[in-house]
N, C-alpha and C. Protein backbone atom coordinates (compact mmCIF):
# COMPACT_ATOMS: atom_id res chain seq x y z
N MET A 1 1.42 -17.41 -0.64
CA MET A 1 1.92 -16.27 -0.03
C MET A 1 0.79 -15.15 0.12
N PHE A 2 0.85 -14.33 1.05
CA PHE A 2 -0.06 -13.18 1.21
C PHE A 2 0.85 -11.91 1.31
N TYR A 3 0.36 -10.87 0.80
CA TYR A 3 1.19 -9.63 0.68
C TYR A 3 0.50 -8.48 1.40
N THR A 4 1.18 -7.68 2.18
CA THR A 4 0.83 -6.47 2.71
C THR A 4 1.42 -5.35 1.85
N TYR A 5 0.69 -4.42 1.40
CA TYR A 5 1.30 -3.45 0.41
C TYR A 5 0.88 -1.98 0.75
N VAL A 6 1.61 -1.05 0.22
CA VAL A 6 1.31 0.35 0.36
C VAL A 6 1.46 0.97 -1.08
N LEU A 7 0.36 1.57 -1.50
CA LEU A 7 0.28 2.39 -2.70
C LEU A 7 0.32 3.80 -2.47
N GLN A 8 0.98 4.48 -3.46
CA GLN A 8 0.82 6.01 -3.32
C GLN A 8 0.18 6.59 -4.51
N SER A 9 -0.79 7.43 -4.35
CA SER A 9 -1.54 8.10 -5.39
C SER A 9 -0.58 9.02 -6.25
N LYS A 10 -0.57 8.87 -7.46
CA LYS A 10 0.15 9.84 -8.31
C LYS A 10 -0.55 11.18 -8.46
N GLU A 11 -1.91 11.15 -8.10
CA GLU A 11 -2.74 12.29 -8.16
C GLU A 11 -2.47 13.23 -7.05
N ASN A 12 -2.44 12.72 -5.79
CA ASN A 12 -2.28 13.55 -4.61
C ASN A 12 -1.38 13.12 -3.53
N ASP A 13 -0.54 12.13 -3.84
CA ASP A 13 0.50 11.50 -2.96
C ASP A 13 -0.13 10.73 -1.75
N ARG A 14 -1.38 10.58 -1.63
CA ARG A 14 -2.00 9.87 -0.43
C ARG A 14 -1.55 8.48 -0.50
N LEU A 15 -1.36 7.83 0.59
CA LEU A 15 -1.10 6.41 0.76
C LEU A 15 -2.33 5.56 0.97
N TYR A 16 -2.24 4.34 0.47
CA TYR A 16 -3.31 3.36 0.69
C TYR A 16 -2.61 2.02 1.11
N THR A 17 -3.02 1.40 2.15
CA THR A 17 -2.48 0.18 2.62
C THR A 17 -3.54 -0.95 2.53
N GLY A 18 -3.01 -2.18 2.05
CA GLY A 18 -3.97 -3.25 1.96
C GLY A 18 -3.19 -4.58 2.10
N TYR A 19 -3.90 -5.69 1.90
CA TYR A 19 -3.33 -7.02 1.85
C TYR A 19 -4.07 -7.77 0.76
N THR A 20 -3.41 -8.79 0.27
CA THR A 20 -3.93 -9.59 -0.81
C THR A 20 -3.11 -10.93 -0.94
N SER A 21 -3.70 -11.91 -1.69
CA SER A 21 -2.89 -13.10 -2.01
C SER A 21 -2.42 -13.03 -3.48
N ASP A 22 -2.79 -12.03 -4.24
CA ASP A 22 -2.43 -11.95 -5.61
C ASP A 22 -2.00 -10.37 -5.77
N LEU A 23 -0.76 -9.99 -5.50
CA LEU A 23 -0.42 -8.62 -5.50
C LEU A 23 -0.52 -7.95 -6.93
N ARG A 24 -0.13 -8.70 -7.93
CA ARG A 24 -0.26 -8.13 -9.36
C ARG A 24 -1.69 -7.85 -9.69
N LYS A 25 -2.52 -8.78 -9.48
CA LYS A 25 -4.01 -8.65 -9.87
C LYS A 25 -4.61 -7.45 -9.00
N ARG A 26 -4.24 -7.45 -7.68
CA ARG A 26 -4.87 -6.44 -6.93
C ARG A 26 -4.35 -5.01 -7.20
N PHE A 27 -3.13 -4.88 -7.61
CA PHE A 27 -2.50 -3.65 -8.06
C PHE A 27 -3.28 -3.18 -9.36
N LYS A 28 -3.45 -4.05 -10.26
CA LYS A 28 -4.24 -3.76 -11.51
C LYS A 28 -5.65 -3.29 -11.17
N GLU A 29 -6.29 -4.02 -10.15
CA GLU A 29 -7.67 -3.60 -9.82
C GLU A 29 -7.64 -2.12 -9.29
N HIS A 30 -6.63 -1.73 -8.42
CA HIS A 30 -6.67 -0.49 -8.00
C HIS A 30 -6.51 0.60 -9.05
N ASN A 31 -5.63 0.26 -10.01
CA ASN A 31 -5.42 1.24 -11.17
C ASN A 31 -6.53 1.24 -12.20
N ASN A 32 -7.36 0.23 -12.26
CA ASN A 32 -8.50 0.16 -13.04
C ASN A 32 -9.83 0.49 -12.46
N ASN A 33 -9.78 1.16 -11.39
CA ASN A 33 -10.94 1.71 -10.70
C ASN A 33 -11.90 0.54 -10.17
N LYS A 34 -11.31 -0.62 -9.89
CA LYS A 34 -12.13 -1.66 -9.32
C LYS A 34 -12.18 -1.76 -7.83
N SER A 35 -11.60 -0.88 -7.12
CA SER A 35 -11.71 -0.79 -5.65
C SER A 35 -12.41 0.46 -5.28
N ASN A 36 -13.47 0.33 -4.46
CA ASN A 36 -14.24 1.49 -3.95
C ASN A 36 -13.37 2.43 -3.29
N TYR A 37 -12.37 1.99 -2.61
CA TYR A 37 -11.54 2.83 -1.61
C TYR A 37 -10.50 3.68 -2.37
N THR A 38 -10.14 3.20 -3.58
CA THR A 38 -9.07 3.91 -4.29
C THR A 38 -9.48 4.48 -5.65
N LYS A 39 -10.64 4.27 -6.08
CA LYS A 39 -11.02 4.59 -7.45
C LYS A 39 -11.03 6.14 -7.72
N ARG A 40 -11.01 6.95 -6.76
CA ARG A 40 -11.01 8.42 -6.91
C ARG A 40 -9.68 9.05 -6.98
N ASN A 41 -8.62 8.33 -6.49
CA ASN A 41 -7.32 8.98 -6.39
C ASN A 41 -6.27 8.44 -7.24
N GLY A 42 -6.54 7.61 -8.11
CA GLY A 42 -5.51 6.87 -8.93
C GLY A 42 -5.10 7.73 -10.03
N PRO A 43 -4.04 7.42 -10.79
CA PRO A 43 -3.38 6.07 -10.69
C PRO A 43 -2.45 5.97 -9.53
N TYR A 44 -1.93 4.70 -9.30
CA TYR A 44 -1.14 4.43 -8.13
C TYR A 44 0.20 3.84 -8.49
N GLU A 45 1.11 4.12 -7.64
CA GLU A 45 2.45 3.38 -7.66
C GLU A 45 2.48 2.49 -6.46
N LEU A 46 3.00 1.25 -6.64
CA LEU A 46 3.31 0.34 -5.56
C LEU A 46 4.64 0.81 -4.94
N ILE A 47 4.65 1.22 -3.76
CA ILE A 47 5.88 1.78 -3.24
C ILE A 47 6.51 0.91 -2.14
N TYR A 48 5.69 -0.11 -1.66
CA TYR A 48 6.25 -1.03 -0.63
C TYR A 48 5.36 -2.22 -0.49
N TYR A 49 5.97 -3.35 -0.28
CA TYR A 49 5.22 -4.60 0.10
C TYR A 49 6.12 -5.52 0.96
N GLU A 50 5.39 -6.36 1.62
CA GLU A 50 5.97 -7.44 2.41
C GLU A 50 5.28 -8.75 2.08
N ALA A 51 5.88 -9.79 2.07
CA ALA A 51 5.37 -11.16 1.87
C ALA A 51 5.22 -11.89 3.24
N CYS A 52 4.12 -12.59 3.41
CA CYS A 52 3.82 -13.34 4.60
C CYS A 52 3.40 -14.74 4.18
N LEU A 53 3.68 -15.74 5.02
CA LEU A 53 3.13 -17.14 4.67
C LEU A 53 1.67 -17.33 5.04
N GLU A 54 1.26 -16.52 6.04
CA GLU A 54 -0.12 -16.81 6.50
C GLU A 54 -0.97 -15.55 6.26
N LYS A 55 -2.19 -15.72 6.00
CA LYS A 55 -3.15 -14.64 5.77
C LYS A 55 -3.21 -13.77 6.99
N LYS A 56 -3.29 -14.37 8.16
CA LYS A 56 -3.45 -13.65 9.45
C LYS A 56 -2.28 -12.73 9.64
N ASP A 57 -1.12 -13.13 9.31
CA ASP A 57 0.03 -12.36 9.51
C ASP A 57 -0.08 -11.09 8.59
N ALA A 58 -0.45 -11.31 7.32
CA ALA A 58 -0.64 -10.22 6.41
C ALA A 58 -1.65 -9.17 6.93
N MET A 59 -2.81 -9.74 7.38
CA MET A 59 -3.81 -8.91 7.97
C MET A 59 -3.39 -8.07 9.15
N ASN A 60 -2.63 -8.71 10.01
CA ASN A 60 -2.05 -8.07 11.23
C ASN A 60 -1.13 -6.96 10.85
N ARG A 61 -0.30 -7.32 9.78
CA ARG A 61 0.73 -6.26 9.35
C ARG A 61 0.00 -5.07 8.68
N GLU A 62 -0.99 -5.39 7.99
CA GLU A 62 -1.79 -4.20 7.37
C GLU A 62 -2.35 -3.28 8.48
N GLN A 63 -2.90 -3.90 9.56
CA GLN A 63 -3.33 -3.06 10.69
C GLN A 63 -2.28 -2.31 11.30
N TYR A 64 -1.12 -2.86 11.48
CA TYR A 64 -0.04 -2.13 12.05
C TYR A 64 0.36 -0.99 11.19
N LEU A 65 0.50 -1.22 9.90
CA LEU A 65 0.96 -0.20 8.93
C LEU A 65 -0.07 1.06 8.89
N LYS A 66 -1.27 0.75 9.28
CA LYS A 66 -2.25 1.85 9.25
C LYS A 66 -2.33 2.53 10.62
N SER A 67 -1.64 2.02 11.55
CA SER A 67 -1.55 2.68 12.87
C SER A 67 -0.57 3.87 12.89
N GLY A 68 -0.60 4.58 13.87
CA GLY A 68 0.39 5.66 13.95
C GLY A 68 1.81 5.26 13.92
N ARG A 69 2.13 4.23 14.67
CA ARG A 69 3.50 3.67 14.66
C ARG A 69 3.83 3.20 13.28
N GLY A 70 2.93 2.47 12.68
CA GLY A 70 3.15 1.92 11.33
C GLY A 70 3.37 2.96 10.20
N LYS A 71 2.57 4.04 10.30
CA LYS A 71 2.80 5.13 9.39
C LYS A 71 4.15 5.73 9.52
N ARG A 72 4.58 5.86 10.82
CA ARG A 72 5.88 6.38 11.01
C ARG A 72 7.01 5.45 10.55
N PHE A 73 6.77 4.11 10.62
CA PHE A 73 7.71 3.17 10.07
C PHE A 73 7.79 3.30 8.61
N ILE A 74 6.67 3.45 7.96
CA ILE A 74 6.73 3.54 6.46
C ILE A 74 7.42 4.80 6.00
N GLN A 75 7.09 5.97 6.74
CA GLN A 75 7.76 7.19 6.38
C GLN A 75 9.34 7.14 6.61
N ALA A 76 9.69 6.55 7.73
CA ALA A 76 11.14 6.36 7.85
C ALA A 76 11.77 5.38 6.84
N ARG A 77 11.05 4.32 6.52
CA ARG A 77 11.64 3.32 5.59
C ARG A 77 11.74 3.90 4.19
N LEU A 78 10.77 4.75 3.84
CA LEU A 78 10.74 5.25 2.45
C LEU A 78 10.88 6.78 2.37
N LYS A 79 11.69 7.24 3.34
CA LYS A 79 11.84 8.75 3.46
C LYS A 79 12.24 9.43 2.15
N ARG A 80 13.23 8.85 1.42
CA ARG A 80 13.59 9.52 0.22
C ARG A 80 12.48 9.46 -0.89
N PHE A 81 11.78 8.32 -0.91
CA PHE A 81 10.79 8.21 -1.93
C PHE A 81 9.48 9.02 -1.57
N LEU A 82 9.05 9.12 -0.30
CA LEU A 82 7.82 9.71 -0.01
C LEU A 82 8.02 11.28 -0.11
N PHE A 83 9.20 11.78 0.11
CA PHE A 83 9.37 13.30 0.09
C PHE A 83 10.08 13.70 -1.14
N ARG A 84 9.52 13.42 -2.25
CA ARG A 84 10.07 13.75 -3.55
C ARG A 84 10.21 15.25 -3.73
N THR A 85 11.23 15.73 -4.43
CA THR A 85 11.30 17.09 -4.79
C THR A 85 11.14 17.18 -6.32
N GLY A 86 10.46 18.25 -6.75
CA GLY A 86 10.14 18.41 -8.17
C GLY A 86 9.30 17.46 -8.66
C-alpha cells in the first residue's frame, strides 16, 4: 500500500502533503525533524490520509491535493477540524 497524507503543524497550523509506503514511519520522521521540508514547523498532527494500491496513484493524488482544487477539497473535507476555535 501507498499513502497520501496531510499533516498540520501544531506550531502554526500550516499544512504539509506527502506520500509514502510506510505512514507510521514517515509520520515519526516528520515529528523527529528528519524531513528538511517540515523540520522547522513541528510537531505535526496527521489530519488526513488515503490508501492507494499503486505508488503512481499516491503520487498523483499528492499532486492533486497540493493544487488549488485539492486544497479546497481538503478544506471542505476537514472544515470542522481545520477551523478550530480556542
